[in-house]
C-alpha cells in the first residue's frame, strides 16, 4: 500500500510530465515556424547546356555545360515582423565545351518563392561570371555571392509552407532540351 507521500510524489511526477509534453508541443510549433524553408532544385532546371547561338544541338556546338552541385546557408527569425531571413550561397560546376571561344563566360540562375509570384519579390535572376584557367582544365567550380531572401510568414504560416526554388535561368529551347534528357 502506497503512502500519501508516495501518491503525492507520483501525482507531481505525472503533472510535471504533462506540462513538459505540452511545452514541447509549443516549442515544436515555434521551432517549425522558425525553421529554414525547404530549398528545392527543380530537376528540369538543375542543369544547363549552352549551345552556340544559331548552331544546332550537336556535341560540337556546346559552349559549356553547368550543374548545381550544392547550396549552403542559414536562416534568421524575426519574431516582431514574423519573417524568416534566408541567406545562402550556391555552388555550380561548369564544364567547357568544344564551341567555347575564349576562357570565360557567364550564366544566369534564379532563386524563386512561387507564393510571391508575379510580384518581383517572387523571383530573383542572378548573373554569374566564370573563367577557366589556361591549360587543359575543362571543369571549374563557381560559388556565387550570398543571396538573401526575406519571407514574411504572417500569423498562421510556417516556414515549411513557403518553399524556395533554385535553378538555372533557361530559355525555352534549353528547358525543352533538359526535359527530353530527363524522360
N, C-alpha and C. Protein backbone atom coordinates (compact mmCIF):
# COMPACT_ATOMS: atom_id res chain seq x y z
N UNK A 1 0.84 -1.17 0.00
CA UNK A 1 0.00 0.00 0.00
C UNK A 1 0.89 1.24 0.00
N UNK A 2 0.62 2.16 -0.94
CA UNK A 2 1.41 3.37 -1.05
C UNK A 2 1.02 4.35 0.03
N UNK A 3 1.99 5.10 0.47
CA UNK A 3 1.72 6.14 1.46
C UNK A 3 1.14 7.36 0.75
N UNK A 4 0.62 8.27 1.51
CA UNK A 4 0.08 9.52 0.98
C UNK A 4 1.22 10.29 0.30
N UNK A 5 2.41 10.26 0.91
CA UNK A 5 3.58 10.95 0.36
C UNK A 5 3.94 10.35 -1.00
N UNK A 6 3.90 9.03 -1.13
CA UNK A 6 4.21 8.36 -2.39
C UNK A 6 3.23 8.74 -3.48
N UNK A 7 1.93 8.81 -3.13
CA UNK A 7 0.93 9.22 -4.12
C UNK A 7 1.12 10.67 -4.54
N UNK A 8 1.51 11.52 -3.61
CA UNK A 8 1.75 12.92 -3.91
C UNK A 8 2.92 13.07 -4.88
N UNK A 9 4.01 12.34 -4.61
CA UNK A 9 5.18 12.39 -5.49
C UNK A 9 4.82 11.86 -6.88
N UNK A 10 4.07 10.75 -6.92
CA UNK A 10 3.66 10.19 -8.21
C UNK A 10 2.75 11.17 -8.96
N UNK A 11 1.83 11.82 -8.26
CA UNK A 11 0.93 12.80 -8.87
C UNK A 11 1.71 13.99 -9.42
N UNK A 12 2.69 14.46 -8.66
CA UNK A 12 3.51 15.59 -9.12
C UNK A 12 4.34 15.18 -10.35
N UNK A 13 4.85 13.97 -10.36
CA UNK A 13 5.63 13.50 -11.49
C UNK A 13 4.77 13.45 -12.75
N UNK A 14 3.54 12.93 -12.64
CA UNK A 14 2.64 12.87 -13.79
C UNK A 14 2.28 14.28 -14.25
N UNK A 15 2.01 15.19 -13.32
CA UNK A 15 1.66 16.57 -13.67
C UNK A 15 2.83 17.27 -14.36
N UNK A 16 4.03 17.08 -13.85
CA UNK A 16 5.18 17.75 -14.47
C UNK A 16 5.47 17.16 -15.86
N UNK A 17 5.24 15.86 -16.03
CA UNK A 17 5.42 15.25 -17.33
C UNK A 17 4.41 15.82 -18.32
N UNK A 18 3.17 16.00 -17.90
CA UNK A 18 2.14 16.56 -18.78
C UNK A 18 2.49 17.99 -19.18
N UNK A 19 2.95 18.80 -18.21
CA UNK A 19 3.35 20.17 -18.52
C UNK A 19 4.55 20.16 -19.47
N UNK A 20 5.48 19.27 -19.23
CA UNK A 20 6.67 19.17 -20.10
C UNK A 20 6.30 18.81 -21.52
N UNK A 21 5.41 17.85 -21.68
CA UNK A 21 4.98 17.46 -23.02
C UNK A 21 4.22 18.58 -23.70
N UNK A 22 3.40 19.29 -22.98
CA UNK A 22 2.65 20.41 -23.56
C UNK A 22 3.61 21.49 -24.03
N UNK A 23 4.63 21.79 -23.21
CA UNK A 23 5.57 22.82 -23.62
C UNK A 23 6.41 22.35 -24.79
N UNK A 24 6.71 21.03 -24.87
CA UNK A 24 7.42 20.51 -26.03
C UNK A 24 6.59 20.73 -27.29
N UNK A 25 5.30 20.52 -27.18
CA UNK A 25 4.43 20.74 -28.32
C UNK A 25 4.45 22.19 -28.75
N UNK A 26 4.46 23.11 -27.79
CA UNK A 26 4.53 24.53 -28.13
C UNK A 26 5.89 24.86 -28.72
N UNK A 27 6.95 24.30 -28.16
CA UNK A 27 8.29 24.56 -28.70
C UNK A 27 8.40 23.97 -30.10
N UNK A 28 7.78 22.79 -30.29
CA UNK A 28 7.81 22.18 -31.61
C UNK A 28 7.14 23.07 -32.64
N UNK A 29 6.02 23.67 -32.28
CA UNK A 29 5.32 24.56 -33.20
C UNK A 29 6.17 25.79 -33.48
N UNK A 30 6.76 26.38 -32.44
CA UNK A 30 7.60 27.56 -32.61
C UNK A 30 8.83 27.22 -33.45
N UNK A 31 9.45 26.08 -33.18
CA UNK A 31 10.62 25.66 -33.94
C UNK A 31 10.25 25.43 -35.40
N UNK A 32 9.05 24.90 -35.65
CA UNK A 32 8.59 24.67 -37.01
C UNK A 32 8.40 25.99 -37.75
N UNK A 33 7.86 27.01 -37.06
CA UNK A 33 7.71 28.33 -37.66
C UNK A 33 9.06 28.93 -38.01
N UNK A 34 10.04 28.76 -37.12
CA UNK A 34 11.33 29.43 -37.24
C UNK A 34 12.33 28.66 -38.11
N UNK A 35 12.03 27.45 -38.50
CA UNK A 35 12.96 26.63 -39.28
C UNK A 35 13.17 27.24 -40.67
N UNK A 36 14.30 26.90 -41.26
CA UNK A 36 14.54 27.33 -42.65
C UNK A 36 13.50 26.70 -43.56
N UNK A 37 13.06 27.42 -44.58
CA UNK A 37 12.11 26.83 -45.53
C UNK A 37 12.81 25.75 -46.34
N UNK A 38 12.02 24.91 -46.98
CA UNK A 38 12.58 23.90 -47.88
C UNK A 38 13.19 24.62 -49.08
N UNK A 39 14.44 24.27 -49.40
CA UNK A 39 15.11 24.79 -50.59
C UNK A 39 15.12 23.64 -51.58
N UNK A 40 14.58 23.87 -52.76
CA UNK A 40 14.43 22.79 -53.73
C UNK A 40 15.11 23.16 -55.05
N UNK A 41 15.68 22.16 -55.68
CA UNK A 41 16.26 22.31 -57.01
C UNK A 41 15.37 21.52 -57.96
N UNK A 42 14.73 22.23 -58.87
CA UNK A 42 13.85 21.57 -59.83
C UNK A 42 14.68 20.76 -60.82
N UNK A 43 14.28 19.55 -61.04
CA UNK A 43 15.02 18.64 -61.92
C UNK A 43 15.21 19.21 -63.33
N UNK A 44 14.20 19.90 -63.85
CA UNK A 44 14.28 20.43 -65.21
C UNK A 44 15.21 21.63 -65.33
N UNK A 45 15.53 22.29 -64.22
CA UNK A 45 16.40 23.47 -64.29
C UNK A 45 17.71 23.28 -63.53
N UNK A 46 18.01 22.06 -63.13
CA UNK A 46 19.23 21.78 -62.36
C UNK A 46 20.48 21.74 -63.24
N UNK A 47 20.29 21.65 -64.54
CA UNK A 47 21.43 21.59 -65.47
C UNK A 47 21.23 22.61 -66.58
N UNK A 48 22.34 23.00 -67.18
CA UNK A 48 22.33 23.95 -68.27
C UNK A 48 23.28 23.47 -69.36
N UNK A 49 22.81 23.47 -70.59
CA UNK A 49 23.67 23.22 -71.74
C UNK A 49 23.56 24.45 -72.63
N UNK A 50 24.67 25.16 -72.79
CA UNK A 50 24.69 26.37 -73.60
C UNK A 50 25.29 26.04 -74.96
N UNK A 51 24.45 26.13 -76.00
CA UNK A 51 24.89 25.88 -77.37
C UNK A 51 25.27 27.21 -78.03
N UNK A 52 26.11 27.15 -79.03
CA UNK A 52 26.45 28.33 -79.82
C UNK A 52 25.17 28.86 -80.47
N UNK A 53 24.89 30.17 -80.31
CA UNK A 53 23.67 30.74 -80.92
C UNK A 53 23.64 30.49 -82.43
N UNK A 54 22.50 30.05 -82.94
CA UNK A 54 22.32 29.82 -84.36
C UNK A 54 22.82 28.46 -84.83
N UNK A 55 23.53 27.74 -83.97
CA UNK A 55 24.04 26.41 -84.35
C UNK A 55 23.01 25.35 -83.95
N UNK A 56 23.34 24.13 -84.21
CA UNK A 56 22.47 23.03 -83.84
C UNK A 56 22.67 22.62 -82.39
N UNK A 57 22.24 21.41 -82.09
CA UNK A 57 22.40 20.88 -80.74
C UNK A 57 23.28 19.65 -80.76
N UNK A 58 24.32 19.70 -81.56
CA UNK A 58 25.31 18.64 -81.63
C UNK A 58 26.34 18.87 -80.53
N UNK A 59 27.04 17.81 -80.14
CA UNK A 59 28.04 17.93 -79.09
C UNK A 59 29.12 18.95 -79.44
N UNK A 60 29.41 19.13 -80.71
CA UNK A 60 30.43 20.11 -81.14
C UNK A 60 29.93 21.54 -81.03
N UNK A 61 28.62 21.74 -80.81
CA UNK A 61 28.03 23.07 -80.69
C UNK A 61 27.92 23.55 -79.23
N UNK A 62 28.36 22.72 -78.28
CA UNK A 62 28.24 23.06 -76.86
C UNK A 62 29.35 24.02 -76.46
N UNK A 63 28.93 25.19 -75.93
CA UNK A 63 29.90 26.14 -75.39
C UNK A 63 30.33 25.71 -73.98
N UNK A 64 29.34 25.45 -73.15
CA UNK A 64 29.61 24.96 -71.79
C UNK A 64 28.37 24.28 -71.24
N UNK A 65 28.60 23.45 -70.24
CA UNK A 65 27.52 22.80 -69.51
C UNK A 65 27.67 23.15 -68.04
N UNK A 66 26.57 23.24 -67.35
CA UNK A 66 26.61 23.56 -65.93
C UNK A 66 25.64 22.70 -65.15
N UNK A 67 25.96 22.52 -63.89
CA UNK A 67 25.03 21.86 -62.99
C UNK A 67 25.16 22.47 -61.61
N UNK A 68 24.06 22.44 -60.87
CA UNK A 68 24.07 22.92 -59.50
C UNK A 68 24.57 21.78 -58.63
N UNK A 69 25.67 22.02 -57.94
CA UNK A 69 26.25 20.98 -57.09
C UNK A 69 25.66 20.99 -55.69
N UNK A 70 25.54 22.18 -55.10
CA UNK A 70 25.10 22.27 -53.71
C UNK A 70 24.73 23.71 -53.38
N UNK A 71 24.16 23.89 -52.22
CA UNK A 71 23.94 25.21 -51.66
C UNK A 71 24.09 25.09 -50.15
N UNK A 72 24.49 26.19 -49.54
CA UNK A 72 24.56 26.21 -48.08
C UNK A 72 24.15 27.58 -47.59
N UNK A 73 23.81 27.67 -46.34
CA UNK A 73 23.39 28.94 -45.77
C UNK A 73 22.71 28.73 -44.44
N UNK A 74 22.02 29.75 -44.01
CA UNK A 74 21.28 29.67 -42.76
C UNK A 74 20.11 30.63 -42.79
N UNK A 75 19.35 30.61 -41.70
CA UNK A 75 18.16 31.43 -41.60
C UNK A 75 18.14 32.14 -40.26
N UNK A 76 17.51 33.27 -40.25
CA UNK A 76 17.27 34.00 -39.00
C UNK A 76 15.79 34.30 -38.88
N UNK A 77 15.30 34.30 -37.66
CA UNK A 77 13.88 34.51 -37.39
C UNK A 77 13.71 35.83 -36.67
N UNK A 78 12.82 36.69 -37.16
CA UNK A 78 12.49 37.95 -36.51
C UNK A 78 11.07 37.85 -35.98
N UNK A 79 10.90 37.62 -34.66
CA UNK A 79 9.55 37.42 -34.13
C UNK A 79 8.68 38.68 -34.20
N UNK A 80 9.29 39.86 -34.19
CA UNK A 80 8.50 41.10 -34.24
C UNK A 80 7.80 41.25 -35.59
N UNK A 81 8.52 40.98 -36.67
CA UNK A 81 7.93 41.11 -38.00
C UNK A 81 7.43 39.78 -38.55
N UNK A 82 7.68 38.69 -37.81
CA UNK A 82 7.33 37.33 -38.22
C UNK A 82 7.86 37.03 -39.62
N UNK A 83 9.17 37.28 -39.80
CA UNK A 83 9.81 36.99 -41.07
C UNK A 83 11.01 36.08 -40.86
N UNK A 84 11.27 35.29 -41.90
CA UNK A 84 12.47 34.44 -41.96
C UNK A 84 13.43 35.12 -42.94
N UNK A 85 14.66 35.33 -42.51
CA UNK A 85 15.69 35.90 -43.37
C UNK A 85 16.60 34.75 -43.80
N UNK A 86 16.54 34.39 -45.08
CA UNK A 86 17.32 33.27 -45.63
C UNK A 86 18.57 33.84 -46.30
N UNK A 87 19.73 33.27 -45.93
CA UNK A 87 20.99 33.63 -46.58
C UNK A 87 21.59 32.35 -47.13
N UNK A 88 21.98 32.37 -48.40
CA UNK A 88 22.57 31.15 -48.98
C UNK A 88 23.54 31.48 -50.10
N UNK A 89 24.42 30.53 -50.35
CA UNK A 89 25.35 30.57 -51.48
C UNK A 89 25.17 29.28 -52.26
N UNK A 90 25.25 29.40 -53.58
CA UNK A 90 25.04 28.25 -54.46
C UNK A 90 26.36 27.91 -55.15
N UNK A 91 26.65 26.61 -55.22
CA UNK A 91 27.88 26.12 -55.86
C UNK A 91 27.51 25.44 -57.18
N UNK A 92 28.21 25.85 -58.24
CA UNK A 92 27.98 25.33 -59.59
C UNK A 92 29.24 24.65 -60.11
N UNK A 93 29.03 23.69 -60.99
CA UNK A 93 30.14 23.09 -61.74
C UNK A 93 29.92 23.43 -63.21
N UNK A 94 30.94 24.03 -63.82
CA UNK A 94 30.86 24.43 -65.22
C UNK A 94 31.92 23.64 -65.99
N UNK A 95 31.50 23.00 -67.09
CA UNK A 95 32.40 22.20 -67.93
C UNK A 95 32.48 22.85 -69.31
N UNK A 96 33.69 23.06 -69.74
CA UNK A 96 33.94 23.70 -71.03
C UNK A 96 33.57 22.76 -72.17
N UNK A 97 32.91 23.33 -73.18
CA UNK A 97 32.57 22.57 -74.38
C UNK A 97 33.48 22.97 -75.54
N UNK A 98 33.45 22.20 -76.61
CA UNK A 98 34.34 22.46 -77.75
C UNK A 98 34.05 23.77 -78.48
N UNK A 99 32.84 24.33 -78.35
CA UNK A 99 32.49 25.53 -79.10
C UNK A 99 32.76 26.83 -78.32
N UNK A 100 33.26 26.75 -77.10
CA UNK A 100 33.51 27.97 -76.32
C UNK A 100 34.72 28.69 -76.88
N UNK A 101 34.53 29.94 -77.24
CA UNK A 101 35.62 30.79 -77.72
C UNK A 101 36.15 31.56 -76.52
N UNK A 102 37.40 31.43 -76.20
CA UNK A 102 37.98 32.12 -75.06
C UNK A 102 37.92 31.26 -73.81
N UNK A 103 38.21 31.88 -72.69
CA UNK A 103 38.28 31.15 -71.42
C UNK A 103 37.20 31.54 -70.42
N UNK A 104 36.35 32.50 -70.78
CA UNK A 104 35.36 32.95 -69.81
C UNK A 104 33.97 32.98 -70.40
N UNK A 105 33.01 33.11 -69.52
CA UNK A 105 31.62 33.14 -69.92
C UNK A 105 30.76 33.59 -68.75
N UNK A 106 29.47 33.43 -68.92
CA UNK A 106 28.51 33.85 -67.90
C UNK A 106 27.24 33.02 -68.05
N UNK A 107 26.58 32.77 -66.93
CA UNK A 107 25.28 32.12 -66.95
C UNK A 107 24.39 32.81 -65.93
N UNK A 108 23.12 32.49 -65.97
CA UNK A 108 22.17 33.04 -65.02
C UNK A 108 21.45 31.90 -64.30
N UNK A 109 21.11 32.18 -63.05
CA UNK A 109 20.28 31.27 -62.30
C UNK A 109 19.24 32.08 -61.53
N UNK A 110 18.24 31.37 -61.00
CA UNK A 110 17.18 32.07 -60.27
C UNK A 110 17.02 31.51 -58.87
N UNK A 111 16.49 32.36 -58.01
CA UNK A 111 16.02 31.99 -56.69
C UNK A 111 14.58 32.48 -56.65
N UNK A 112 13.64 31.56 -56.46
CA UNK A 112 12.22 31.91 -56.58
C UNK A 112 11.42 31.42 -55.38
N UNK A 113 10.45 32.24 -55.01
CA UNK A 113 9.46 31.89 -53.99
C UNK A 113 8.11 31.96 -54.71
N UNK A 114 7.62 30.83 -55.22
CA UNK A 114 6.40 30.84 -56.05
C UNK A 114 5.19 31.51 -55.40
N UNK A 115 5.13 31.47 -54.09
CA UNK A 115 4.00 32.09 -53.39
C UNK A 115 3.89 33.58 -53.69
N UNK A 116 5.01 34.23 -53.97
CA UNK A 116 5.01 35.67 -54.20
C UNK A 116 4.83 36.05 -55.68
N UNK A 117 4.79 35.04 -56.56
CA UNK A 117 4.63 35.32 -57.98
C UNK A 117 3.28 35.96 -58.23
N UNK A 118 3.11 36.94 -59.07
CA UNK A 118 4.02 37.53 -60.04
C UNK A 118 4.77 38.76 -59.53
N UNK A 119 4.73 39.04 -58.25
CA UNK A 119 5.47 40.17 -57.70
C UNK A 119 6.96 40.00 -57.98
N UNK A 120 7.70 41.09 -58.18
CA UNK A 120 9.14 41.00 -58.39
C UNK A 120 9.86 40.28 -57.24
N UNK A 121 9.28 40.29 -56.05
CA UNK A 121 9.88 39.59 -54.91
C UNK A 121 9.79 38.08 -55.09
N UNK A 122 9.00 37.62 -56.06
CA UNK A 122 8.81 36.20 -56.28
C UNK A 122 9.97 35.50 -56.96
N UNK A 123 10.85 36.28 -57.63
CA UNK A 123 11.95 35.64 -58.34
C UNK A 123 13.09 36.63 -58.54
N UNK A 124 14.28 36.19 -58.17
CA UNK A 124 15.50 36.95 -58.46
C UNK A 124 16.29 36.17 -59.51
N UNK A 125 16.75 36.86 -60.55
CA UNK A 125 17.60 36.25 -61.56
C UNK A 125 18.99 36.86 -61.38
N UNK A 126 19.99 36.00 -61.20
CA UNK A 126 21.34 36.44 -60.90
C UNK A 126 22.31 35.98 -61.98
N UNK A 127 23.23 36.84 -62.35
CA UNK A 127 24.25 36.51 -63.34
C UNK A 127 25.54 36.12 -62.63
N UNK A 128 26.17 35.08 -63.13
CA UNK A 128 27.41 34.59 -62.53
C UNK A 128 28.48 34.45 -63.62
N UNK A 129 29.59 35.18 -63.49
CA UNK A 129 30.69 35.00 -64.43
C UNK A 129 31.55 33.81 -64.04
N UNK A 130 32.22 33.22 -65.02
CA UNK A 130 33.17 32.15 -64.73
C UNK A 130 34.35 32.29 -65.67
N UNK A 131 35.47 31.70 -65.28
CA UNK A 131 36.68 31.76 -66.09
C UNK A 131 37.46 30.47 -65.90
N UNK A 132 37.87 29.88 -67.03
CA UNK A 132 38.74 28.71 -67.00
C UNK A 132 40.19 29.17 -66.98
N UNK A 133 41.03 28.42 -66.32
CA UNK A 133 42.46 28.71 -66.33
C UNK A 133 43.04 28.28 -67.66
N UNK A 134 44.20 28.85 -68.00
CA UNK A 134 44.93 28.38 -69.18
C UNK A 134 45.30 26.92 -68.97
N UNK A 135 45.40 26.18 -70.02
CA UNK A 135 45.82 24.78 -69.90
C UNK A 135 44.69 23.83 -70.25
N UNK A 136 44.81 22.63 -69.72
CA UNK A 136 43.88 21.56 -70.07
C UNK A 136 42.69 21.44 -69.12
N UNK A 137 42.58 22.31 -68.15
CA UNK A 137 41.49 22.24 -67.20
C UNK A 137 40.16 22.52 -67.92
N UNK A 138 39.24 21.57 -67.86
CA UNK A 138 37.97 21.74 -68.57
C UNK A 138 36.78 21.92 -67.64
N UNK A 139 37.00 21.83 -66.33
CA UNK A 139 35.92 21.99 -65.37
C UNK A 139 36.34 22.96 -64.28
N UNK A 140 35.41 23.82 -63.89
CA UNK A 140 35.66 24.78 -62.83
C UNK A 140 34.43 24.83 -61.92
N UNK A 141 34.66 24.94 -60.62
CA UNK A 141 33.57 25.14 -59.68
C UNK A 141 33.46 26.63 -59.38
N UNK A 142 32.24 27.12 -59.35
CA UNK A 142 31.98 28.54 -59.11
C UNK A 142 30.96 28.65 -57.98
N UNK A 143 31.30 29.44 -56.96
CA UNK A 143 30.35 29.71 -55.87
C UNK A 143 29.91 31.16 -56.01
N UNK A 144 28.60 31.37 -56.08
CA UNK A 144 28.08 32.72 -56.23
C UNK A 144 28.14 33.46 -54.89
N UNK A 145 27.97 34.77 -54.97
CA UNK A 145 27.91 35.59 -53.77
C UNK A 145 26.65 35.23 -52.99
N UNK A 146 26.60 35.67 -51.76
CA UNK A 146 25.47 35.37 -50.89
C UNK A 146 24.18 36.00 -51.42
N UNK A 147 23.13 35.21 -51.41
CA UNK A 147 21.79 35.66 -51.79
C UNK A 147 20.96 35.74 -50.52
N UNK A 148 20.19 36.81 -50.40
CA UNK A 148 19.32 36.97 -49.21
C UNK A 148 17.87 37.09 -49.65
N UNK A 149 17.02 36.40 -48.91
CA UNK A 149 15.58 36.44 -49.17
C UNK A 149 14.89 36.66 -47.83
N UNK A 150 13.93 37.54 -47.81
CA UNK A 150 13.13 37.77 -46.60
C UNK A 150 11.72 37.26 -46.89
N UNK A 151 11.26 36.33 -46.05
CA UNK A 151 9.95 35.70 -46.25
C UNK A 151 9.04 36.05 -45.08
N UNK A 152 7.99 36.85 -45.34
CA UNK A 152 7.02 37.13 -44.27
C UNK A 152 6.10 35.93 -44.07
N UNK A 153 5.89 35.56 -42.82
CA UNK A 153 5.05 34.39 -42.55
C UNK A 153 3.63 34.73 -42.13
N UNK A 154 3.37 35.94 -41.69
CA UNK A 154 2.03 36.25 -41.21
C UNK A 154 1.79 35.55 -39.88
N UNK A 155 0.53 35.43 -39.50
CA UNK A 155 0.23 34.88 -38.18
C UNK A 155 -0.05 33.38 -38.18
N UNK A 156 -0.43 32.82 -39.30
CA UNK A 156 -0.84 31.41 -39.29
C UNK A 156 -0.01 30.53 -40.22
N UNK A 157 1.20 30.96 -40.59
CA UNK A 157 2.01 30.19 -41.51
C UNK A 157 3.25 29.65 -40.84
N UNK A 158 3.77 28.59 -41.43
CA UNK A 158 5.04 28.02 -41.02
C UNK A 158 6.01 28.21 -42.17
N UNK A 159 7.29 28.19 -41.87
CA UNK A 159 8.29 28.36 -42.93
C UNK A 159 8.22 27.23 -43.95
N UNK A 160 7.80 26.05 -43.53
CA UNK A 160 7.70 24.92 -44.46
C UNK A 160 6.57 25.10 -45.47
N UNK A 161 5.67 26.07 -45.24
CA UNK A 161 4.58 26.36 -46.18
C UNK A 161 5.07 27.18 -47.38
N UNK A 162 6.31 27.67 -47.32
CA UNK A 162 6.83 28.57 -48.34
C UNK A 162 8.15 28.05 -48.89
N UNK A 163 8.13 27.08 -49.82
CA UNK A 163 9.38 26.57 -50.37
C UNK A 163 10.09 27.60 -51.25
N UNK A 164 11.40 27.46 -51.35
CA UNK A 164 12.24 28.31 -52.18
C UNK A 164 12.88 27.40 -53.24
N UNK A 165 12.86 27.84 -54.49
CA UNK A 165 13.43 27.05 -55.58
C UNK A 165 14.65 27.76 -56.15
N UNK A 166 15.66 26.95 -56.51
CA UNK A 166 16.81 27.48 -57.24
C UNK A 166 17.00 26.64 -58.49
N UNK A 167 17.47 27.29 -59.55
CA UNK A 167 17.71 26.58 -60.80
C UNK A 167 18.35 27.51 -61.81
N UNK A 168 18.83 26.96 -62.90
CA UNK A 168 19.37 27.78 -63.98
C UNK A 168 18.24 28.51 -64.67
N UNK A 169 18.48 29.74 -65.06
CA UNK A 169 17.53 30.51 -65.84
C UNK A 169 17.69 30.07 -67.29
N UNK A 170 16.75 29.29 -67.76
CA UNK A 170 16.85 28.68 -69.10
C UNK A 170 15.89 29.35 -70.06
N UNK A 171 16.26 29.37 -71.34
CA UNK A 171 15.29 29.79 -72.35
C UNK A 171 14.45 28.55 -72.71
N UNK A 172 13.46 28.74 -73.55
CA UNK A 172 12.54 27.63 -73.88
C UNK A 172 13.25 26.44 -74.52
N UNK A 173 14.22 26.70 -75.40
CA UNK A 173 14.95 25.61 -76.06
C UNK A 173 15.77 24.81 -75.04
N UNK A 174 16.42 25.51 -74.12
CA UNK A 174 17.23 24.83 -73.10
C UNK A 174 16.34 24.00 -72.17
N UNK A 175 15.20 24.56 -71.81
CA UNK A 175 14.27 23.83 -70.94
C UNK A 175 13.76 22.57 -71.64
N UNK A 176 13.38 22.68 -72.90
CA UNK A 176 12.92 21.51 -73.66
C UNK A 176 14.04 20.47 -73.80
N UNK A 177 15.27 20.93 -74.03
CA UNK A 177 16.41 20.03 -74.11
C UNK A 177 16.55 19.23 -72.83
N UNK A 178 16.48 19.91 -71.68
CA UNK A 178 16.57 19.22 -70.38
C UNK A 178 15.43 18.24 -70.18
N UNK A 179 14.24 18.64 -70.54
CA UNK A 179 13.08 17.76 -70.36
C UNK A 179 13.21 16.49 -71.20
N UNK A 180 13.76 16.60 -72.41
CA UNK A 180 13.99 15.42 -73.23
C UNK A 180 15.01 14.50 -72.57
N UNK A 181 16.07 15.08 -72.02
CA UNK A 181 17.09 14.27 -71.34
C UNK A 181 16.54 13.58 -70.09
N UNK A 182 15.60 14.24 -69.42
CA UNK A 182 15.05 13.70 -68.16
C UNK A 182 13.99 12.63 -68.37
N UNK A 183 13.52 12.44 -69.59
CA UNK A 183 12.46 11.44 -69.84
C UNK A 183 12.99 10.05 -69.71
